[in-house]
């Protein structure tokens, strides 16, 4: 599951999770799944709404706020601050392959 891959101290949006799952238009469905998820091994609190809004967390936004803060995610009111810094963007195989290719190319300075 994509949500389990989000590391502590990082967040992803409902739309990001939907896109990574191959359904880029299913952000609302992801929100509904996260709201109903009661599994302790799924860090649902790391999934937020677009623009840094916390969104829901099974009815307790305060709990979501405290869990994120405990992981070092800056939260103020109902928003994640410094979103660019804490937003999780997993590297894909294509990205990893491109990085390796760039490193292995000879340059004029080699």
PDB file of N, CA and C in Angstrom:
ATOM      1  N   UNK A   1       0.847  -1.177   0.000  1.00  0.00           N
ATOM      2  CA  UNK A   1       0.000   0.000   0.000  1.00  0.00           C
ATOM      3  C   UNK A   1       0.892   1.239   0.000  1.00  0.00           C
ATOM      4  N   UNK A   2       0.540   2.205  -0.780  1.00  0.00           N
ATOM      5  CA  UNK A   2       1.306   3.431  -0.935  1.00  0.00           C
ATOM      6  C   UNK A   2       1.476   4.185   0.374  1.00  0.00           C
ATOM      7  N   UNK A   3       0.452   4.244   1.178  1.00  0.00           N
ATOM      8  CA  UNK A   3       0.489   5.027   2.413  1.00  0.00           C
ATOM      9  C   UNK A   3       1.547   4.496   3.375  1.00  0.00           C
ATOM     10  N   UNK A   4       1.756   3.206   3.400  1.00  0.00           N
ATOM     11  CA  UNK A   4       2.784   2.631   4.287  1.00  0.00           C
ATOM     12  C   UNK A   4       4.191   3.072   3.910  1.00  0.00           C
ATOM     13  N   UNK A   5       4.392   3.507   2.682  1.00  0.00           N
ATOM     14  CA  UNK A   5       5.713   3.932   2.224  1.00  0.00           C
ATOM     15  C   UNK A   5       6.061   5.358   2.634  1.00  0.00           C
ATOM     16  N   UNK A   6       5.089   6.130   3.105  1.00  0.00           N
ATOM     17  CA  UNK A   6       5.350   7.513   3.514  1.00  0.00           C
ATOM     18  C   UNK A   6       6.182   7.471   4.795  1.00  0.00           C
ATOM     19  N   UNK A   7       7.389   8.017   4.775  1.00  0.00           N
ATOM     20  CA  UNK A   7       8.248   7.930   5.955  1.00  0.00           C
ATOM     21  C   UNK A   7       7.798   8.873   7.080  1.00  0.00           C
ATOM     22  N   UNK A   8       8.177   8.561   8.305  1.00  0.00           N
ATOM     23  CA  UNK A   8       7.870   9.464   9.422  1.00  0.00           C
ATOM     24  C   UNK A   8       8.441  10.852   9.152  1.00  0.00           C
ATOM     25  N   UNK A   9       7.687  11.866   9.536  1.00  0.00           N
ATOM     26  CA  UNK A   9       8.132  13.238   9.322  1.00  0.00           C
ATOM     27  C   UNK A   9       7.833  13.779   7.946  1.00  0.00           C
ATOM     28  N   UNK A  10       7.161  13.006   7.117  1.00  0.00           N
ATOM     29  CA  UNK A  10       6.794  13.431   5.771  1.00  0.00           C
ATOM     30  C   UNK A  10       5.288  13.245   5.595  1.00  0.00           C
ATOM     31  N   UNK A  11       4.712  13.922   4.618  1.00  0.00           N
ATOM     32  CA  UNK A  11       3.284  13.810   4.322  1.00  0.00           C
ATOM     33  C   UNK A  11       3.077  13.691   2.818  1.00  0.00           C
ATOM     34  N   UNK A  12       1.910  13.200   2.430  1.00  0.00           N
ATOM     35  CA  UNK A  12       1.487  13.155   1.032  1.00  0.00           C
ATOM     36  C   UNK A  12       0.034  13.598   0.989  1.00  0.00           C
ATOM     37  N   UNK A  13      -0.399  14.129  -0.130  1.00  0.00           N
ATOM     38  CA  UNK A  13      -1.796  14.557  -0.243  1.00  0.00           C
ATOM     39  C   UNK A  13      -2.656  13.382  -0.702  1.00  0.00           C
ATOM     40  N   UNK A  14      -3.949  13.520  -0.504  1.00  0.00           N
ATOM     41  CA  UNK A  14      -4.879  12.497  -0.973  1.00  0.00           C
ATOM     42  C   UNK A  14      -4.705  12.298  -2.479  1.00  0.00           C
ATOM     43  N   UNK A  15      -4.524  13.388  -3.208  1.00  0.00           N
ATOM     44  CA  UNK A  15      -4.321  13.316  -4.653  1.00  0.00           C
ATOM     45  C   UNK A  15      -3.025  12.607  -5.027  1.00  0.00           C
ATOM     46  N   UNK A  16      -1.968  12.859  -4.251  1.00  0.00           N
ATOM     47  CA  UNK A  16      -0.695  12.173  -4.503  1.00  0.00           C
ATOM     48  C   UNK A  16      -0.859  10.669  -4.337  1.00  0.00           C
ATOM     49  N   UNK A  17      -1.519  10.269  -3.269  1.00  0.00           N
ATOM     50  CA  UNK A  17      -1.719   8.838  -2.996  1.00  0.00           C
ATOM     51  C   UNK A  17      -2.547   8.208  -4.114  1.00  0.00           C
ATOM     52  N   UNK A  18      -3.592   8.911  -4.549  1.00  0.00           N
ATOM     53  CA  UNK A  18      -4.426   8.391  -5.638  1.00  0.00           C
ATOM     54  C   UNK A  18      -3.606   8.224  -6.915  1.00  0.00           C
ATOM     55  N   UNK A  19      -2.791   9.219  -7.237  1.00  0.00           N
ATOM     56  CA  UNK A  19      -1.967   9.146  -8.449  1.00  0.00           C
ATOM     57  C   UNK A  19      -0.958   8.001  -8.356  1.00  0.00           C
ATOM     58  N   UNK A  20      -0.331   7.844  -7.209  1.00  0.00           N
ATOM     59  CA  UNK A  20       0.641   6.760  -7.041  1.00  0.00           C
ATOM     60  C   UNK A  20      -0.017   5.387  -7.115  1.00  0.00           C
ATOM     61  N   UNK A  21      -1.294   5.337  -6.761  1.00  0.00           N
ATOM     62  CA  UNK A  21      -2.031   4.077  -6.839  1.00  0.00           C
ATOM     63  C   UNK A  21      -2.569   3.825  -8.253  1.00  0.00           C
ATOM     64  N   UNK A  22      -2.299   4.763  -9.175  1.00  0.00           N
ATOM     65  CA  UNK A  22      -2.734   4.585 -10.555  1.00  0.00           C
ATOM     66  C   UNK A  22      -4.120   5.121 -10.860  1.00  0.00           C
ATOM     67  N   UNK A  23      -4.705   5.859  -9.922  1.00  0.00           N
ATOM     68  CA  UNK A  23      -6.039   6.437 -10.111  1.00  0.00           C
ATOM     69  C   UNK A  23      -5.986   7.929  -9.792  1.00  0.00           C
ATOM     70  N   UNK A  24      -5.397   8.742 -10.662  1.00  0.00           N
ATOM     71  CA  UNK A  24      -5.159  10.149 -10.341  1.00  0.00           C
ATOM     72  C   UNK A  24      -6.405  10.982 -10.038  1.00  0.00           C
ATOM     73  N   UNK A  25      -7.574  10.501 -10.412  1.00  0.00           N
ATOM     74  CA  UNK A  25      -8.807  11.267 -10.153  1.00  0.00           C
ATOM     75  C   UNK A  25      -9.561  10.769  -8.931  1.00  0.00           C
ATOM     76  N   UNK A  26      -8.934   9.932  -8.125  1.00  0.00           N
ATOM     77  CA  UNK A  26      -9.627   9.298  -7.002  1.00  0.00           C
ATOM     78  C   UNK A  26      -9.222   9.854  -5.637  1.00  0.00           C
ATOM     79  N   UNK A  27      -8.871  11.132  -5.571  1.00  0.00           N
ATOM     80  CA  UNK A  27      -8.451  11.726  -4.302  1.00  0.00           C
ATOM     81  C   UNK A  27      -9.549  11.623  -3.241  1.00  0.00           C
ATOM     82  N   UNK A  28     -10.780  11.851  -3.632  1.00  0.00           N
ATOM     83  CA  UNK A  28     -11.885  11.768  -2.671  1.00  0.00           C
ATOM     84  C   UNK A  28     -12.041  10.350  -2.137  1.00  0.00           C
ATOM     85  N   UNK A  29     -11.868   9.361  -2.996  1.00  0.00           N
ATOM     86  CA  UNK A  29     -11.948   7.963  -2.567  1.00  0.00           C
ATOM     87  C   UNK A  29     -10.839   7.652  -1.566  1.00  0.00           C
ATOM     88  N   UNK A  30      -9.644   8.178  -1.812  1.00  0.00           N
ATOM     89  CA  UNK A  30      -8.542   7.980  -0.866  1.00  0.00           C
ATOM     90  C   UNK A  30      -8.912   8.585   0.481  1.00  0.00           C
ATOM     91  N   UNK A  31      -9.494   9.769   0.463  1.00  0.00           N
ATOM     92  CA  UNK A  31      -9.935  10.407   1.709  1.00  0.00           C
ATOM     93  C   UNK A  31     -10.929   9.547   2.466  1.00  0.00           C
ATOM     94  N   UNK A  32     -11.878   8.970   1.747  1.00  0.00           N
ATOM     95  CA  UNK A  32     -12.869   8.102   2.391  1.00  0.00           C
ATOM     96  C   UNK A  32     -12.227   6.851   2.974  1.00  0.00           C
ATOM     97  N   UNK A  33     -11.283   6.279   2.252  1.00  0.00           N
ATOM     98  CA  UNK A  33     -10.585   5.084   2.744  1.00  0.00           C
ATOM     99  C   UNK A  33      -9.779   5.428   3.990  1.00  0.00           C
ATOM    100  N   UNK A  34      -9.085   6.560   3.965  1.00  0.00           N
ATOM    101  CA  UNK A  34      -8.280   6.966   5.119  1.00  0.00           C
ATOM    102  C   UNK A  34      -9.165   7.230   6.339  1.00  0.00           C
ATOM    103  N   UNK A  35     -10.331   7.804   6.109  1.00  0.00           N
ATOM    104  CA  UNK A  35     -11.245   8.102   7.219  1.00  0.00           C
ATOM    105  C   UNK A  35     -11.728   6.830   7.906  1.00  0.00           C
ATOM    106  N   UNK A  36     -11.926   5.774   7.131  1.00  0.00           N
ATOM    107  CA  UNK A  36     -12.458   4.525   7.677  1.00  0.00           C
ATOM    108  C   UNK A  36     -11.374   3.542   8.134  1.00  0.00           C
ATOM    109  N   UNK A  37     -10.130   3.803   7.766  1.00  0.00           N
ATOM    110  CA  UNK A  37      -9.046   2.871   8.081  1.00  0.00           C
ATOM    111  C   UNK A  37      -8.755   2.873   9.584  1.00  0.00           C
ATOM    112  N   UNK A  38      -8.746   1.709  10.176  1.00  0.00           N
ATOM    113  CA  UNK A  38      -8.472   1.586  11.609  1.00  0.00           C
ATOM    114  C   UNK A  38      -7.224   0.741  11.868  1.00  0.00           C
ATOM    115  N   UNK A  39      -6.472   0.465  10.825  1.00  0.00           N
ATOM    116  CA  UNK A  39      -5.287  -0.388  10.963  1.00  0.00           C
ATOM    117  C   UNK A  39      -4.118   0.416  11.523  1.00  0.00           C
ATOM    118  N   UNK A  40      -3.475  -0.116  12.520  1.00  0.00           N
ATOM    119  CA  UNK A  40      -2.340   0.564  13.148  1.00  0.00           C
ATOM    120  C   UNK A  40      -1.094   0.561  12.268  1.00  0.00           C
ATOM    121  N   UNK A  41      -1.013  -0.359  11.328  1.00  0.00           N
ATOM    122  CA  UNK A  41       0.167  -0.429  10.467  1.00  0.00           C
ATOM    123  C   UNK A  41       0.075   0.489   9.248  1.00  0.00           C
ATOM    124  N   UNK A  42      -1.007   1.261   9.134  1.00  0.00           N
ATOM    125  CA  UNK A  42      -1.187   2.202   8.031  1.00  0.00           C
ATOM    126  C   UNK A  42      -1.167   3.614   8.611  1.00  0.00           C
ATOM    127  N   UNK A  43      -0.139   4.405   8.309  1.00  0.00           N
ATOM    128  CA  UNK A  43      -0.020   5.746   8.885  1.00  0.00           C
ATOM    129  C   UNK A  43      -0.926   6.770   8.193  1.00  0.00           C
ATOM    130  N   UNK A  44      -2.213   6.618   8.392  1.00  0.00           N
ATOM    131  CA  UNK A  44      -3.196   7.491   7.734  1.00  0.00           C
ATOM    132  C   UNK A  44      -2.998   8.964   8.083  1.00  0.00           C
ATOM    133  N   UNK A  45      -2.424   9.233   9.252  1.00  0.00           N
ATOM    134  CA  UNK A  45      -2.241  10.623   9.670  1.00  0.00           C
ATOM    135  C   UNK A  45      -1.254  11.365   8.772  1.00  0.00           C
ATOM    136  N   UNK A  46      -0.477  10.651   7.985  1.00  0.00           N
ATOM    137  CA  UNK A  46       0.493  11.289   7.089  1.00  0.00           C
ATOM    138  C   UNK A  46      -0.109  11.697   5.753  1.00  0.00           C
ATOM    139  N   UNK A  47      -1.383  11.445   5.553  1.00  0.00           N
ATOM    140  CA  UNK A  47      -2.066  11.823   4.311  1.00  0.00           C
ATOM    141  C   UNK A  47      -2.921  13.050   4.613  1.00  0.00           C
ATOM    142  N   UNK A  48      -2.675  14.124   3.856  1.00  0.00           N
ATOM    143  CA  UNK A  48      -3.334  15.398   4.118  1.00  0.00           C
ATOM    144  C   UNK A  48      -4.064  15.876   2.868  1.00  0.00           C
ATOM    145  N   UNK A  49      -4.846  16.921   3.043  1.00  0.00           N
ATOM    146  CA  UNK A  49      -5.569  17.519   1.919  1.00  0.00           C
ATOM    147  C   UNK A  49      -4.630  18.435   1.126  1.00  0.00           C
ATOM    148  N   UNK A  50      -5.079  18.820  -0.035  1.00  0.00           N
ATOM    149  CA  UNK A  50      -4.280  19.687  -0.913  1.00  0.00           C
ATOM    150  C   UNK A  50      -3.967  21.011  -0.226  1.00  0.00           C
ATOM    151  N   UNK A  51      -2.820  21.551  -0.543  1.00  0.00           N
ATOM    152  CA  UNK A  51      -2.444  22.853  -0.014  1.00  0.00           C
ATOM    153  C   UNK A  51      -2.004  22.820   1.435  1.00  0.00           C
ATOM    154  N   UNK A  52      -1.855  21.638   2.012  1.00  0.00           N
ATOM    155  CA  UNK A  52      -1.378  21.536   3.388  1.00  0.00           C
ATOM    156  C   UNK A  52      -2.454  21.450   4.449  1.00  0.00           C
ATOM    157  N   UNK A  53      -3.724  21.516   4.046  1.00  0.00           N
ATOM    158  CA  UNK A  53      -4.788  21.378   5.054  1.00  0.00           C
ATOM    159  C   UNK A  53      -4.747  19.973   5.638  1.00  0.00           C
ATOM    160  N   UNK A  54      -5.033  19.854   6.922  1.00  0.00           N
ATOM    161  CA  UNK A  54      -4.953  18.555   7.565  1.00  0.00           C
ATOM    162  C   UNK A  54      -5.995  17.568   7.082  1.00  0.00           C
ATOM    163  N   UNK A  55      -7.175  18.046   6.768  1.00  0.00           N
ATOM    164  CA  UNK A  55      -8.239  17.114   6.405  1.00  0.00           C
ATOM    165  C   UNK A  55      -8.718  16.385   7.647  1.00  0.00           C
ATOM    166  N   UNK A  56      -9.492  15.362   7.474  1.00  0.00           N
ATOM    167  CA  UNK A  56     -10.022  14.637   8.624  1.00  0.00           C
ATOM    168  C   UNK A  56      -9.104  13.516   9.064  1.00  0.00           C
ATOM    169  N   UNK A  57      -9.431  12.949  10.197  1.00  0.00           N
ATOM    170  CA  UNK A  57      -8.682  11.794  10.700  1.00  0.00           C
ATOM    171  C   UNK A  57      -9.613  11.023  11.608  1.00  0.00           C
ATOM    172  N   UNK A  58     -10.570  10.377  11.007  1.00  0.00           N
ATOM    173  CA  UNK A  58     -11.530   9.608  11.790  1.00  0.00           C
ATOM    174  C   UNK A  58     -12.263  10.446  12.824  1.00  0.00           C
ATOM    175  N   UNK A  59     -12.417  11.731  12.533  1.00  0.00           N
ATOM    176  CA  UNK A  59     -13.164  12.599  13.431  1.00  0.00           C
ATOM    177  C   UNK A  59     -12.315  13.351  14.435  1.00  0.00           C
ATOM    178  N   UNK A  60     -11.014  13.135  14.469  1.00  0.00           N
ATOM    179  CA  UNK A  60     -10.181  13.820  15.446  1.00  0.00           C
ATOM    180  C   UNK A  60      -8.993  14.513  14.779  1.00  0.00           C
ATOM    181  N   UNK A  61      -9.240  15.738  14.342  1.00  0.00           N
ATOM    182  CA  UNK A  61      -8.169  16.517  13.725  1.00  0.00           C
ATOM    183  C   UNK A  61      -7.073  16.823  14.750  1.00  0.00           C
ATOM    184  N   UNK A  62      -7.457  16.980  16.009  1.00  0.00           N
ATOM    185  CA  UNK A  62      -6.463  17.244  17.062  1.00  0.00           C
ATOM    186  C   UNK A  62      -5.489  16.074  17.198  1.00  0.00           C
ATOM    187  N   UNK A  63      -5.993  14.848  17.093  1.00  0.00           N
ATOM    188  CA  UNK A  63      -5.119  13.677  17.165  1.00  0.00           C
ATOM    189  C   UNK A  63      -4.163  13.648  15.978  1.00  0.00           C
ATOM    190  N   UNK A  64      -4.682  13.934  14.793  1.00  0.00           N
ATOM    191  CA  UNK A  64      -3.844  13.964  13.594  1.00  0.00           C
ATOM    192  C   UNK A  64      -2.754  15.017  13.750  1.00  0.00           C
ATOM    193  N   UNK A  65      -3.132  16.192  14.235  1.00  0.00           N
ATOM    194  CA  UNK A  65      -2.181  17.276  14.453  1.00  0.00           C
ATOM    195  C   UNK A  65      -1.078  16.847  15.421  1.00  0.00           C
ATOM    196  N   UNK A  66      -1.455  16.200  16.513  1.00  0.00           N
ATOM    197  CA  UNK A  66      -0.459  15.810  17.509  1.00  0.00           C
ATOM    198  C   UNK A  66       0.450  14.687  16.995  1.00  0.00           C
ATOM    199  N   UNK A  67      -0.078  13.746  16.219  1.00  0.00           N
ATOM    200  CA  UNK A  67       0.747  12.685  15.653  1.00  0.00           C
ATOM    201  C   UNK A  67       1.772  13.248  14.672  1.00  0.00           C
ATOM    202  N   UNK A  68       1.339  14.178  13.836  1.00  0.00           N
ATOM    203  CA  UNK A  68       2.266  14.796  12.888  1.00  0.00           C
ATOM    204  C   UNK A  68       3.325  15.623  13.617  1.00  0.00           C
ATOM    205  N   UNK A  69       2.903  16.384  14.607  1.00  0.00           N
ATOM    206  CA  UNK A  69       3.847  17.204  15.372  1.00  0.00           C
ATOM    207  C   UNK A  69       4.873  16.322  16.078  1.00  0.00           C
ATOM    208  N   UNK A  70       4.442  15.173  16.584  1.00  0.00           N
ATOM    209  CA  UNK A  70       5.358  14.252  17.258  1.00  0.00           C
ATOM    210  C   UNK A  70       6.416  13.711  16.301  1.00  0.00           C
ATOM    211  N   UNK A  71       6.104  13.679  15.013  1.00  0.00           N
ATOM    212  CA  UNK A  71       7.058  13.214  14.004  1.00  0.00           C
ATOM    213  C   UNK A  71       7.907  14.356  13.449  1.00  0.00           C
ATOM    214  N   UNK A  72       7.678  15.563  13.947  1.00  0.00           N
ATOM    215  CA  UNK A  72       8.471  16.700  13.496  1.00  0.00           C
ATOM    216  C   UNK A  72       7.887  17.470  12.334  1.00  0.00           C
ATOM    217  N   UNK A  73       6.653  17.179  11.973  1.00  0.00           N
ATOM    218  CA  UNK A  73       5.994  17.915  10.885  1.00  0.00           C
ATOM    219  C   UNK A  73       5.444  19.212  11.482  1.00  0.00           C
ATOM    220  N   UNK A  74       5.853  20.370  10.948  1.00  0.00           N
ATOM    221  CA  UNK A  74       5.368  21.638  11.508  1.00  0.00           C
ATOM    222  C   UNK A  74       3.891  21.860  11.165  1.00  0.00           C
ATOM    223  N   UNK A  75       3.064  21.937  12.208  1.00  0.00           N
ATOM    224  CA  UNK A  75       1.629  22.121  12.035  1.00  0.00           C
ATOM    225  C   UNK A  75       1.206  23.357  12.808  1.00  0.00           C
ATOM    226  N   UNK A  76       0.398  24.183  12.166  1.00  0.00           N
ATOM    227  CA  UNK A  76      -0.131  25.373  12.816  1.00  0.00           C
ATOM    228  C   UNK A  76      -1.602  25.473  12.471  1.00  0.00           C
ATOM    229  N   UNK A  77      -2.438  25.430  13.492  1.00  0.00           N
ATOM    230  CA  UNK A  77      -3.875  25.434  13.250  1.00  0.00           C
ATOM    231  C   UNK A  77      -4.256  24.183  12.494  1.00  0.00           C
ATOM    232  N   UNK A  78      -4.909  24.334  11.382  1.00  0.00           N
ATOM    233  CA  UNK A  78      -5.340  23.193  10.589  1.00  0.00           C
ATOM    234  C   UNK A  78      -4.505  22.969   9.348  1.00  0.00           C
ATOM    235  N   UNK A  79      -3.241  23.444   9.364  1.00  0.00           N
ATOM    236  CA  UNK A  79      -2.391  23.336   8.182  1.00  0.00           C
ATOM    237  C   UNK A  79      -0.989  22.844   8.518  1.00  0.00           C
ATOM    238  N   UNK A  80      -0.403  22.145   7.553  1.00  0.00           N
ATOM    239  CA  UNK A  80       1.000  21.769   7.641  1.00  0.00           C
ATOM    240  C   UNK A  80       1.798  22.938   7.086  1.00  0.00           C
ATOM    241  N   UNK A  81       2.751  23.404   7.856  1.00  0.00           N
ATOM    242  CA  UNK A  81       3.628  24.491   7.413  1.00  0.00           C
ATOM    243  C   UNK A  81       4.850  23.887   6.730  1.00  0.00           C
ATOM    244  N   UNK A  82       5.548  24.706   5.966  1.00  0.00           N
ATOM    245  CA  UNK A  82       6.748  24.250   5.248  1.00  0.00           C
ATOM    246  C   UNK A  82       6.432  23.012   4.404  1.00  0.00           C
ATOM    247  N   UNK A  83       5.310  23.061   3.708  1.00  0.00           N
ATOM    248  CA  UNK A  83       4.829  21.907   2.946  1.00  0.00           C
ATOM    249  C   UNK A  83       5.862  21.425   1.932  1.00  0.00           C
ATOM    250  N   UNK A  84       6.539  22.328   1.271  1.00  0.00           N
ATOM    251  CA  UNK A  84       7.547  21.911   0.278  1.00  0.00           C
ATOM    252  C   UNK A  84       8.630  21.044   0.900  1.00  0.00           C
ATOM    253  N   UNK A  85       8.965  21.316   2.153  1.00  0.00           N
ATOM    254  CA  UNK A  85      10.029  20.573   2.823  1.00  0.00           C
ATOM    255  C   UNK A  85       9.580  19.188   3.276  1.00  0.00           C
ATOM    256  N   UNK A  86       8.325  19.040   3.699  1.00  0.00           N
ATOM    257  CA  UNK A  86       7.866  17.768   4.268  1.00  0.00           C
ATOM    258  C   UNK A  86       7.025  16.930   3.313  1.00  0.00           C
ATOM    259  N   UNK A  87       6.739  17.453   2.126  1.00  0.00           N
ATOM    260  CA  UNK A  87       5.934  16.699   1.164  1.00  0.00           C
ATOM    261  C   UNK A  87       6.764  15.557   0.595  1.00  0.00           C
ATOM    262  N   UNK A  88       6.236  14.352   0.686  1.00  0.00           N
ATOM    263  CA  UNK A  88       6.939  13.157   0.233  1.00  0.00           C
ATOM    264  C   UNK A  88       6.720  12.967  -1.250  1.00  0.00           C
ATOM    265  N   UNK A  89       7.803  12.846  -1.970  1.00  0.00           N
ATOM    266  CA  UNK A  89       7.772  12.560  -3.406  1.00  0.00           C
ATOM    267  C   UNK A  89       8.640  11.325  -3.627  1.00  0.00           C
ATOM    268  N   UNK A  90       8.032  10.164  -3.733  1.00  0.00           N
ATOM    269  CA  UNK A  90       8.841   8.955  -3.897  1.00  0.00           C
ATOM    270  C   UNK A  90       9.558   8.965  -5.234  1.00  0.00           C
ATOM    271  N   UNK A  91      10.758   8.450  -5.238  1.00  0.00           N
ATOM    272  CA  UNK A  91      11.469   8.359  -6.510  1.00  0.00           C
ATOM    273  C   UNK A  91      11.005   7.094  -7.216  1.00  0.00           C
ATOM    274  N   UNK A  92      10.749   7.228  -8.471  1.00  0.00           N
ATOM    275  CA  UNK A  92      10.291   6.094  -9.266  1.00  0.00           C
ATOM    276  C   UNK A  92      11.483   5.429  -9.918  1.00  0.00           C
ATOM    277  N   UNK A  93      11.297   4.270 -10.449  1.00  0.00           N
ATOM    278  CA  UNK A  93      12.382   3.585 -11.148  1.00  0.00           C
ATOM    279  C   UNK A  93      12.892   4.416 -12.307  1.00  0.00           C
ATOM    280  N   UNK A  94      11.976   5.094 -12.985  1.00  0.00           N
ATOM    281  CA  UNK A  94      12.371   5.929 -14.124  1.00  0.00           C
ATOM    282  C   UNK A  94      13.292   7.060 -13.648  1.00  0.00           C
ATOM    283  N   UNK A  95      12.952   7.687 -12.524  1.00  0.00           N
ATOM    284  CA  UNK A  95      13.775   8.757 -11.974  1.00  0.00           C
ATOM    285  C   UNK A  95      15.133   8.219 -11.556  1.00  0.00           C
ATOM    286  N   UNK A  96      15.150   7.068 -10.884  1.00  0.00           N
ATOM    287  CA  UNK A  96      16.407   6.470 -10.454  1.00  0.00           C
ATOM    288  C   UNK A  96      17.276   6.110 -11.653  1.00  0.00           C
ATOM    289  N   UNK A  97      16.663   5.569 -12.712  1.00  0.00           N
ATOM    290  CA  UNK A  97      17.399   5.190 -13.913  1.00  0.00           C
ATOM    291  C   UNK A  97      18.006   6.431 -14.574  1.00  0.00           C
ATOM    292  N   UNK A  98      17.242   7.519 -14.627  1.00  0.00           N
ATOM    293  CA  UNK A  98      17.733   8.754 -15.240  1.00  0.00           C
ATOM    294  C   UNK A  98      18.915   9.306 -14.450  1.00  0.00           C
ATOM    295  N   UNK A  99      18.853   9.224 -13.130  1.00  0.00           N
ATOM    296  CA  UNK A  99      19.967   9.708 -12.311  1.00  0.00           C
ATOM    297  C   UNK A  99      21.223   8.884 -12.557  1.00  0.00           C
ATOM    298  N   UNK A 100      21.065   7.567 -12.643  1.00  0.00           N
ATOM    299  CA  UNK A 100      22.223   6.708 -12.889  1.00  0.00           C
ATOM    300  C   UNK A 100      22.827   7.012 -14.255  1.00  0.00           C
ATOM    301  N   UNK A 101      21.976   7.218 -15.256  1.00  0.00           N
ATOM    302  CA  UNK A 101      22.438   7.503 -16.610  1.00  0.00           C
ATOM    303  C   UNK A 101      23.208   8.813 -16.634  1.00  0.00           C
ATOM    304  N   UNK A 102      22.709   9.833 -15.939  1.00  0.00           N
ATOM    305  CA  UNK A 102      23.380  11.115 -15.902  1.00  0.00           C
ATOM    306  C   UNK A 102      24.751  10.988 -15.255  1.00  0.00           C
ATOM    307  N   UNK A 103      24.867  10.211 -14.210  1.00  0.00           N
ATOM    308  CA  UNK A 103      26.133  10.043 -13.513  1.00  0.00           C
ATOM    309  C   UNK A 103      27.146   9.271 -14.349  1.00  0.00           C
ATOM    310  N   UNK A 104      26.676   8.343 -15.170  1.00  0.00           N
ATOM    311  CA  UNK A 104      27.608   7.500 -15.922  1.00  0.00           C
ATOM    312  C   UNK A 104      28.041   8.100 -17.256  1.00  0.00           C
ATOM    313  N   UNK A 105      27.397   9.190 -17.682  1.00  0.00           N
ATOM    314  CA  UNK A 105      27.772   9.815 -18.946  1.00  0.00           C
ATOM    315  C   UNK A 105      29.111  10.535 -18.791  1.00  0.00           C
ATOM    316  N   UNK A 106      30.019  10.326 -19.743  1.00  0.00           N
ATOM    317  CA  UNK A 106      31.287  11.057 -19.671  1.00  0.00           C
ATOM    318  C   UNK A 106      31.057  12.528 -19.987  1.00  0.00           C
ATOM    319  N   UNK A 107      31.808  13.369 -19.358  1.00  0.00           N
ATOM    320  CA  UNK A 107      31.697  14.806 -19.601  1.00  0.00           C
ATOM    321  C   UNK A 107      32.973  15.301 -20.239  1.00  0.00           C
ATOM    322  N   UNK A 108      32.977  16.519 -20.672  1.00  0.00           N
ATOM    323  CA  UNK A 108      34.158  17.126 -21.273  1.00  0.00           C
ATOM    324  C   UNK A 108      35.286  17.252 -20.248  1.00  0.00           C
ATOM    325  N   UNK A 109      34.924  17.228 -18.980  1.00  0.00           N
ATOM    326  CA  UNK A 109      35.910  17.402 -17.927  1.00  0.00           C
ATOM    327  C   UNK A 109      36.436  16.069 -17.390  1.00  0.00           C
ATOM    328  N   UNK A 110      35.945  14.944 -17.930  1.00  0.00           N
ATOM    329  CA  UNK A 110      36.372  13.632 -17.446  1.00  0.00           C
ATOM    330  C   UNK A 110      37.735  13.268 -17.958  1.00  0.00           C
TER     331      UNK A 110
END
